């Protein structure tokens, strides 16, 4: 098998590894990027891209601020909805050692019992949830009791 004698320059083009001298420099890449940027500016495409970037950044920022405010509002209102800072629930009564441990740490403890039931009004029955609370309930927020009938009607 005969080998052809190729000049050094053409041999380097055939090999996958090029020498450092043949690769473009970092400054050459920056100069090329600058020339392309100026070309796009002259063509008027740069203004459109800049506008699109401004709109995209503004949209993402606005959504981020909005979700942050909603999360903050939910965190503030969650304690009132729960009636406490923390709720421990189980299908069986909790042991007295848990209540004693919380009380020894200076925490207020109130027992609550919930169960589903049927509420009757005349001949109409509605599925409801009964919540029985011990004195001191609503460690956060307030509990209002009214003697006025509810505006919700059974049908």
N, C-alpha and C. Protein backbone atom coordinates (compact mmCIF):
# COMPACT_ATOMS: atom_id res chain seq x y z
N UNK A 1 0.83 -1.15 0.00
CA UNK A 1 0.00 0.00 0.00
C UNK A 1 0.89 1.23 0.00
N UNK A 2 0.59 2.14 -0.85
CA UNK A 2 1.38 3.34 -1.02
C UNK A 2 0.75 4.52 -0.30
N UNK A 3 1.54 5.30 0.32
CA UNK A 3 1.07 6.50 0.98
C UNK A 3 1.45 7.69 0.15
N UNK A 4 0.47 8.60 0.09
CA UNK A 4 0.76 9.83 -0.65
C UNK A 4 1.38 10.82 0.30
N UNK A 5 2.35 11.52 -0.18
CA UNK A 5 2.98 12.56 0.61
C UNK A 5 2.18 13.84 0.45
N UNK A 6 1.46 14.19 1.49
CA UNK A 6 0.65 15.39 1.48
C UNK A 6 1.41 16.51 2.16
N UNK A 7 1.22 17.71 1.69
CA UNK A 7 1.85 18.83 2.41
C UNK A 7 1.26 18.96 3.82
N UNK A 8 2.02 19.58 4.70
CA UNK A 8 1.63 19.71 6.12
C UNK A 8 0.29 20.40 6.29
N UNK A 9 -0.01 21.44 5.56
CA UNK A 9 -1.25 22.21 5.73
C UNK A 9 -2.46 21.37 5.38
N UNK A 10 -2.40 20.59 4.30
CA UNK A 10 -3.56 19.78 3.93
C UNK A 10 -3.71 18.59 4.84
N UNK A 11 -2.66 18.08 5.42
CA UNK A 11 -2.74 16.96 6.34
C UNK A 11 -3.45 17.38 7.62
N UNK A 12 -3.20 18.61 8.04
CA UNK A 12 -3.86 19.04 9.28
C UNK A 12 -5.35 19.22 9.08
N UNK A 13 -5.79 19.51 7.86
CA UNK A 13 -7.22 19.65 7.61
C UNK A 13 -7.93 18.30 7.60
N UNK A 14 -7.20 17.26 7.32
CA UNK A 14 -7.81 15.93 7.28
C UNK A 14 -7.95 15.32 8.67
N UNK A 15 -7.14 15.73 9.60
CA UNK A 15 -7.22 15.14 10.94
C UNK A 15 -8.29 15.87 11.75
N UNK A 16 -8.94 15.15 12.65
CA UNK A 16 -9.99 15.79 13.42
C UNK A 16 -9.45 16.82 14.42
N UNK A 17 -8.21 16.70 14.83
CA UNK A 17 -7.65 17.63 15.81
C UNK A 17 -6.88 18.71 15.07
N UNK A 18 -7.29 19.92 15.28
CA UNK A 18 -6.58 21.03 14.66
C UNK A 18 -5.64 21.64 15.68
N UNK A 19 -4.63 22.26 15.21
CA UNK A 19 -3.66 22.86 16.12
C UNK A 19 -4.26 24.14 16.69
N UNK A 20 -3.66 24.63 17.75
CA UNK A 20 -4.14 25.82 18.42
C UNK A 20 -4.07 27.02 17.49
N UNK A 21 -3.13 27.01 16.61
CA UNK A 21 -2.93 28.10 15.68
C UNK A 21 -4.10 28.21 14.70
N UNK A 22 -4.75 27.09 14.36
CA UNK A 22 -5.84 27.09 13.38
C UNK A 22 -7.18 27.49 13.99
N UNK A 23 -7.32 27.40 15.34
CA UNK A 23 -8.58 27.76 15.99
C UNK A 23 -8.70 29.27 16.12
N UNK A 24 -9.96 29.78 16.01
CA UNK A 24 -10.11 31.23 16.18
C UNK A 24 -9.86 31.62 17.64
N UNK A 25 -9.30 32.80 17.86
CA UNK A 25 -9.02 33.27 19.21
C UNK A 25 -10.30 33.81 19.84
N UNK A 26 -10.25 34.01 21.13
CA UNK A 26 -11.39 34.57 21.84
C UNK A 26 -11.69 35.96 21.35
N UNK A 27 -10.64 36.75 21.12
CA UNK A 27 -10.83 38.12 20.64
C UNK A 27 -11.40 38.13 19.24
N UNK A 28 -11.03 37.15 18.44
CA UNK A 28 -11.60 37.05 17.10
C UNK A 28 -13.10 36.73 17.16
N UNK A 29 -13.50 35.88 18.10
CA UNK A 29 -14.92 35.54 18.28
C UNK A 29 -15.70 36.76 18.77
N UNK A 30 -15.09 37.54 19.67
CA UNK A 30 -15.76 38.75 20.16
C UNK A 30 -15.91 39.76 19.04
N UNK A 31 -14.87 39.90 18.22
CA UNK A 31 -14.95 40.83 17.09
C UNK A 31 -16.03 40.40 16.11
N UNK A 32 -16.14 39.09 15.86
CA UNK A 32 -17.19 38.59 14.96
C UNK A 32 -18.57 38.86 15.54
N UNK A 33 -18.73 38.60 16.82
CA UNK A 33 -20.02 38.85 17.47
C UNK A 33 -20.39 40.34 17.39
N UNK A 34 -19.41 41.21 17.57
CA UNK A 34 -19.67 42.65 17.48
C UNK A 34 -20.10 43.05 16.07
N UNK A 35 -19.41 42.51 15.06
CA UNK A 35 -19.77 42.82 13.67
C UNK A 35 -21.18 42.34 13.35
N UNK A 36 -21.55 41.16 13.84
CA UNK A 36 -22.91 40.64 13.60
C UNK A 36 -23.95 41.48 14.33
N UNK A 37 -23.61 41.97 15.53
CA UNK A 37 -24.52 42.83 16.27
C UNK A 37 -24.76 44.14 15.54
N UNK A 38 -23.70 44.73 15.02
CA UNK A 38 -23.83 45.98 14.27
C UNK A 38 -24.65 45.75 13.00
N UNK A 39 -24.43 44.61 12.34
CA UNK A 39 -25.19 44.30 11.12
C UNK A 39 -26.68 44.17 11.43
N UNK A 40 -27.01 43.46 12.53
CA UNK A 40 -28.43 43.32 12.91
C UNK A 40 -29.04 44.65 13.31
N UNK A 41 -28.23 45.52 13.93
CA UNK A 41 -28.73 46.84 14.30
C UNK A 41 -29.08 47.65 13.07
N UNK A 42 -28.22 47.61 12.08
CA UNK A 42 -28.47 48.36 10.85
C UNK A 42 -29.67 47.81 10.09
N UNK A 43 -29.91 46.51 10.20
CA UNK A 43 -31.05 45.90 9.50
C UNK A 43 -32.36 46.17 10.23
N UNK A 44 -32.30 46.66 11.45
CA UNK A 44 -33.51 46.96 12.21
C UNK A 44 -34.05 45.80 13.00
N UNK A 45 -33.38 44.67 12.98
CA UNK A 45 -33.84 43.49 13.71
C UNK A 45 -33.49 43.55 15.18
N UNK A 46 -32.48 44.29 15.52
CA UNK A 46 -32.03 44.36 16.90
C UNK A 46 -33.06 45.04 17.80
N UNK A 47 -33.72 46.05 17.28
CA UNK A 47 -34.73 46.75 18.07
C UNK A 47 -35.89 45.81 18.41
N UNK A 48 -36.28 44.98 17.46
CA UNK A 48 -37.37 44.03 17.70
C UNK A 48 -36.96 42.99 18.74
N UNK A 49 -35.73 42.50 18.65
CA UNK A 49 -35.26 41.52 19.63
C UNK A 49 -35.16 42.15 21.02
N UNK A 50 -34.67 43.38 21.09
CA UNK A 50 -34.57 44.07 22.38
C UNK A 50 -35.95 44.28 22.98
N UNK A 51 -36.91 44.69 22.16
CA UNK A 51 -38.28 44.87 22.65
C UNK A 51 -38.86 43.56 23.16
N UNK A 52 -38.63 42.49 22.43
CA UNK A 52 -39.13 41.17 22.86
C UNK A 52 -38.49 40.75 24.17
N UNK A 53 -37.20 41.02 24.35
CA UNK A 53 -36.53 40.68 25.61
C UNK A 53 -37.08 41.50 26.78
N UNK A 54 -37.35 42.79 26.53
CA UNK A 54 -37.90 43.64 27.59
C UNK A 54 -39.28 43.15 28.00
N UNK A 55 -40.11 42.80 27.03
CA UNK A 55 -41.45 42.30 27.34
C UNK A 55 -41.37 40.98 28.10
N UNK A 56 -40.45 40.10 27.69
CA UNK A 56 -40.32 38.80 28.35
C UNK A 56 -39.86 38.97 29.80
N UNK A 57 -38.87 39.81 30.03
CA UNK A 57 -38.36 40.02 31.39
C UNK A 57 -39.44 40.67 32.26
N UNK A 58 -40.15 41.65 31.69
CA UNK A 58 -41.22 42.31 32.45
C UNK A 58 -42.33 41.33 32.80
N UNK A 59 -42.68 40.44 31.88
CA UNK A 59 -43.73 39.46 32.14
C UNK A 59 -43.33 38.49 33.25
N UNK A 60 -42.12 37.97 33.18
CA UNK A 60 -41.65 37.03 34.19
C UNK A 60 -41.58 37.70 35.56
N UNK A 61 -41.10 38.94 35.58
CA UNK A 61 -41.01 39.67 36.84
C UNK A 61 -42.39 39.92 37.43
N UNK A 62 -43.34 40.31 36.60
CA UNK A 62 -44.70 40.58 37.06
C UNK A 62 -45.35 39.32 37.63
N UNK A 63 -45.21 38.22 36.94
CA UNK A 63 -45.78 36.96 37.42
C UNK A 63 -45.11 36.55 38.74
N UNK A 64 -43.80 36.74 38.84
CA UNK A 64 -43.10 36.42 40.08
C UNK A 64 -43.59 37.25 41.25
N UNK A 65 -43.77 38.56 41.03
CA UNK A 65 -44.28 39.42 42.09
C UNK A 65 -45.70 39.03 42.47
N UNK A 66 -46.52 38.74 41.49
CA UNK A 66 -47.92 38.38 41.76
C UNK A 66 -48.00 37.10 42.59
N UNK A 67 -47.26 36.06 42.19
CA UNK A 67 -47.31 34.80 42.93
C UNK A 67 -46.74 34.98 44.34
N UNK A 68 -45.74 35.84 44.49
CA UNK A 68 -45.19 36.11 45.81
C UNK A 68 -46.23 36.77 46.71
N UNK A 69 -46.99 37.72 46.18
CA UNK A 69 -48.02 38.41 46.96
C UNK A 69 -49.17 37.46 47.32
N UNK A 70 -49.56 36.59 46.38
CA UNK A 70 -50.63 35.63 46.66
C UNK A 70 -50.19 34.66 47.74
N UNK A 71 -48.95 34.17 47.66
CA UNK A 71 -48.44 33.24 48.67
C UNK A 71 -48.40 33.91 50.03
N UNK A 72 -47.97 35.15 50.06
CA UNK A 72 -47.91 35.89 51.32
C UNK A 72 -49.31 36.07 51.93
N UNK A 73 -50.28 36.40 51.09
CA UNK A 73 -51.66 36.56 51.59
C UNK A 73 -52.22 35.24 52.09
N UNK A 74 -51.96 34.15 51.37
CA UNK A 74 -52.44 32.84 51.82
C UNK A 74 -51.80 32.42 53.13
N UNK A 75 -50.51 32.70 53.29
CA UNK A 75 -49.84 32.36 54.54
C UNK A 75 -50.43 33.14 55.70
N UNK A 76 -50.77 34.40 55.49
CA UNK A 76 -51.35 35.21 56.56
C UNK A 76 -52.77 34.75 56.91
N UNK A 77 -53.55 34.35 55.91
CA UNK A 77 -54.93 33.96 56.15
C UNK A 77 -55.07 32.50 56.59
N UNK A 78 -54.05 31.67 56.36
CA UNK A 78 -54.15 30.25 56.70
C UNK A 78 -54.32 30.05 58.21
N UNK A 79 -53.64 30.86 59.01
CA UNK A 79 -53.76 30.72 60.47
C UNK A 79 -55.17 31.01 60.93
N UNK A 80 -55.81 31.98 60.32
CA UNK A 80 -57.19 32.29 60.70
C UNK A 80 -58.13 31.18 60.28
N UNK A 81 -57.89 30.61 59.12
CA UNK A 81 -58.75 29.54 58.64
C UNK A 81 -58.61 28.30 59.54
N UNK A 82 -57.39 28.00 59.93
CA UNK A 82 -57.16 26.85 60.81
C UNK A 82 -57.59 27.15 62.24
N UNK A 83 -57.51 28.39 62.65
CA UNK A 83 -57.80 28.76 64.02
C UNK A 83 -56.60 28.58 64.93
N UNK A 84 -55.43 28.29 64.34
CA UNK A 84 -54.21 28.08 65.11
C UNK A 84 -53.01 28.17 64.17
N UNK A 85 -51.82 28.09 64.76
CA UNK A 85 -50.60 28.06 63.95
C UNK A 85 -50.30 26.66 63.42
N UNK A 86 -50.70 25.66 64.17
CA UNK A 86 -50.40 24.28 63.82
C UNK A 86 -51.57 23.40 64.21
N UNK A 87 -51.91 22.44 63.37
CA UNK A 87 -52.98 21.50 63.66
C UNK A 87 -52.41 20.09 63.57
N UNK A 88 -52.66 19.30 64.60
CA UNK A 88 -52.29 17.88 64.59
C UNK A 88 -53.59 17.11 64.57
N UNK A 89 -53.77 16.28 63.53
CA UNK A 89 -55.03 15.56 63.37
C UNK A 89 -54.76 14.06 63.24
N UNK A 90 -55.71 13.30 63.76
CA UNK A 90 -55.64 11.85 63.65
C UNK A 90 -57.07 11.32 63.71
N UNK A 91 -57.27 10.12 63.20
CA UNK A 91 -58.60 9.52 63.23
C UNK A 91 -58.95 9.02 64.63
N UNK A 92 -57.95 8.82 65.48
CA UNK A 92 -58.17 8.40 66.86
C UNK A 92 -57.79 9.54 67.80
N UNK A 93 -58.28 9.54 69.01
CA UNK A 93 -57.88 10.59 69.96
C UNK A 93 -56.37 10.55 70.21
N UNK A 94 -55.77 11.73 70.30
CA UNK A 94 -54.33 11.81 70.57
C UNK A 94 -54.06 11.52 72.03
N UNK A 95 -52.90 10.97 72.30
CA UNK A 95 -52.55 10.62 73.68
C UNK A 95 -52.32 11.84 74.55
N UNK A 96 -52.53 11.68 75.85
CA UNK A 96 -52.35 12.82 76.77
C UNK A 96 -50.90 13.28 76.85
N UNK A 97 -49.94 12.40 76.51
CA UNK A 97 -48.53 12.80 76.58
C UNK A 97 -48.20 13.87 75.54
N UNK A 98 -48.89 13.86 74.41
CA UNK A 98 -48.68 14.88 73.40
C UNK A 98 -49.16 16.24 73.89
N UNK A 99 -50.33 16.26 74.50
CA UNK A 99 -50.88 17.50 75.05
C UNK A 99 -50.01 18.03 76.19
N UNK A 100 -49.54 17.13 77.06
CA UNK A 100 -48.68 17.54 78.17
C UNK A 100 -47.35 18.09 77.66
N UNK A 101 -46.81 17.47 76.61
CA UNK A 101 -45.55 17.95 76.04
C UNK A 101 -45.69 19.34 75.44
N UNK A 102 -46.81 19.58 74.74
CA UNK A 102 -47.05 20.90 74.16
C UNK A 102 -47.27 21.95 75.23
N UNK A 103 -48.00 21.59 76.27
CA UNK A 103 -48.26 22.52 77.37
C UNK A 103 -46.96 22.86 78.10
N UNK A 104 -46.08 21.87 78.27
CA UNK A 104 -44.80 22.12 78.96
C UNK A 104 -43.90 23.05 78.14
N UNK A 105 -44.10 23.10 76.84
CA UNK A 105 -43.34 24.02 75.99
C UNK A 105 -43.97 25.41 75.92
N UNK A 106 -45.08 25.59 76.62
CA UNK A 106 -45.73 26.90 76.64
C UNK A 106 -46.70 27.11 75.49
N UNK A 107 -47.14 26.04 74.87
CA UNK A 107 -48.09 26.14 73.76
C UNK A 107 -49.52 25.98 74.26
N UNK A 108 -50.44 26.68 73.64
CA UNK A 108 -51.86 26.54 73.99
C UNK A 108 -52.42 25.36 73.20
N UNK A 109 -53.23 24.55 73.85
CA UNK A 109 -53.79 23.34 73.24
C UNK A 109 -55.30 23.38 73.38
N UNK A 110 -56.01 23.11 72.28
CA UNK A 110 -57.46 23.05 72.28
C UNK A 110 -57.87 21.80 71.51
N UNK A 111 -58.81 21.04 72.06
CA UNK A 111 -59.29 19.83 71.38
C UNK A 111 -60.47 20.18 70.47
N UNK A 112 -60.46 19.54 69.31
CA UNK A 112 -61.53 19.74 68.32
C UNK A 112 -61.93 18.36 67.81
N UNK A 113 -63.24 18.15 67.65
CA UNK A 113 -63.72 16.89 67.09
C UNK A 113 -64.61 17.21 65.90
N UNK A 114 -64.38 16.53 64.79
CA UNK A 114 -65.19 16.70 63.58
C UNK A 114 -65.77 15.37 63.16
N UNK A 115 -66.99 15.44 62.64
CA UNK A 115 -67.59 14.22 62.09
C UNK A 115 -68.69 14.61 61.11
N UNK A 116 -68.90 13.79 60.10
CA UNK A 116 -69.97 14.07 59.14
C UNK A 116 -71.33 13.68 59.72
N UNK A 117 -72.35 14.39 59.31
CA UNK A 117 -73.70 14.11 59.80
C UNK A 117 -74.70 14.61 58.76
N UNK A 118 -75.96 14.41 59.06
CA UNK A 118 -77.03 14.92 58.20
C UNK A 118 -77.77 16.01 58.96
N UNK A 119 -78.01 17.13 58.28
CA UNK A 119 -78.80 18.22 58.87
C UNK A 119 -80.17 18.18 58.21
N UNK A 120 -81.21 18.28 59.01
CA UNK A 120 -82.58 18.22 58.49
C UNK A 120 -83.25 19.57 58.67
N UNK A 121 -84.00 19.96 57.67
CA UNK A 121 -84.86 21.14 57.76
C UNK A 121 -86.16 20.77 57.06
N UNK A 122 -87.15 20.58 57.84
CA UNK A 122 -88.40 20.11 57.27
C UNK A 122 -88.20 18.70 56.76
N UNK A 123 -88.44 18.52 55.47
CA UNK A 123 -88.24 17.19 54.87
C UNK A 123 -86.97 17.11 54.04
N UNK A 124 -86.17 18.16 54.05
CA UNK A 124 -84.93 18.19 53.27
C UNK A 124 -83.74 17.82 54.16
N UNK A 125 -82.91 16.94 53.64
CA UNK A 125 -81.70 16.52 54.36
C UNK A 125 -80.47 16.97 53.57
N UNK A 126 -79.48 17.43 54.30
CA UNK A 126 -78.23 17.90 53.68
C UNK A 126 -77.06 17.29 54.43
N UNK A 127 -76.08 16.81 53.69
CA UNK A 127 -74.87 16.30 54.31
C UNK A 127 -74.09 17.49 54.87
N UNK A 128 -73.65 17.38 56.12
CA UNK A 128 -72.93 18.48 56.76
C UNK A 128 -71.79 17.91 57.60
N UNK A 129 -70.94 18.81 58.05
CA UNK A 129 -69.85 18.40 58.94
C UNK A 129 -70.03 19.13 60.26
N UNK A 130 -70.07 18.37 61.33
CA UNK A 130 -70.22 18.94 62.67
C UNK A 130 -68.82 19.09 63.26
N UNK A 131 -68.58 20.25 63.85
CA UNK A 131 -67.28 20.52 64.48
C UNK A 131 -67.54 20.92 65.93
N UNK A 132 -67.10 20.06 66.86
CA UNK A 132 -67.25 20.34 68.29
C UNK A 132 -65.91 20.82 68.81
N UNK A 133 -65.91 21.97 69.49
CA UNK A 133 -64.65 22.56 69.96
C UNK A 133 -64.69 22.73 71.46
N UNK A 134 -63.52 22.67 72.06
CA UNK A 134 -63.39 22.89 73.51
C UNK A 134 -63.27 24.39 73.78
N UNK A 135 -63.49 24.80 75.02
CA UNK A 135 -63.32 26.23 75.34
C UNK A 135 -61.91 26.69 74.99
N UNK A 136 -61.82 27.91 74.48
CA UNK A 136 -60.52 28.46 74.08
C UNK A 136 -60.21 28.28 72.61
N UNK A 137 -61.21 27.73 71.87
CA UNK A 137 -60.99 27.53 70.43
C UNK A 137 -60.80 28.87 69.72
N UNK A 138 -60.18 28.78 68.62
CA UNK A 138 -59.77 29.91 67.77
C UNK A 138 -58.61 30.63 68.44
N UNK A 139 -57.49 29.91 68.51
CA UNK A 139 -56.28 30.48 69.06
C UNK A 139 -55.80 31.64 68.19
N UNK A 140 -56.14 31.62 66.93
CA UNK A 140 -55.86 32.71 66.00
C UNK A 140 -57.17 33.18 65.42
N UNK A 141 -57.33 34.47 65.22
CA UNK A 141 -58.57 34.99 64.64
C UNK A 141 -59.66 35.03 65.69
N UNK A 142 -60.88 35.00 65.23
CA UNK A 142 -62.00 35.07 66.16
C UNK A 142 -63.11 34.14 65.70
N UNK A 143 -63.91 33.70 66.63
CA UNK A 143 -65.06 32.85 66.36
C UNK A 143 -66.31 33.65 66.66
N UNK A 144 -67.16 33.79 65.65
CA UNK A 144 -68.41 34.54 65.84
C UNK A 144 -69.58 33.58 65.80
N UNK A 145 -70.48 33.74 66.74
CA UNK A 145 -71.69 32.93 66.79
C UNK A 145 -72.87 33.88 66.66
N UNK A 146 -73.78 33.55 65.79
CA UNK A 146 -74.94 34.41 65.56
C UNK A 146 -76.22 33.62 65.73
N UNK A 147 -77.25 34.30 66.15
CA UNK A 147 -78.55 33.66 66.33
C UNK A 147 -79.40 33.80 65.07
N UNK A 148 -78.93 34.56 64.10
CA UNK A 148 -79.69 34.76 62.87
C UNK A 148 -79.57 33.51 62.00
N UNK A 149 -80.63 33.17 61.30
CA UNK A 149 -80.57 32.00 60.43
C UNK A 149 -79.62 32.26 59.26
N UNK A 150 -79.07 31.22 58.78
CA UNK A 150 -78.13 31.31 57.66
C UNK A 150 -78.88 31.66 56.38
N UNK A 151 -78.20 32.29 55.48
CA UNK A 151 -78.83 32.61 54.18
C UNK A 151 -78.81 31.41 53.23
N UNK A 152 -78.08 30.36 53.62
CA UNK A 152 -78.06 29.15 52.80
C UNK A 152 -79.31 28.33 53.12
N UNK A 153 -79.97 27.92 52.14
CA UNK A 153 -81.23 27.19 52.31
C UNK A 153 -81.09 25.76 51.79
N UNK A 154 -81.74 24.86 52.43
CA UNK A 154 -81.84 23.49 51.93
C UNK A 154 -82.94 23.43 50.87
N UNK A 155 -82.70 22.75 49.82
CA UNK A 155 -83.72 22.64 48.77
C UNK A 155 -84.06 21.21 48.50
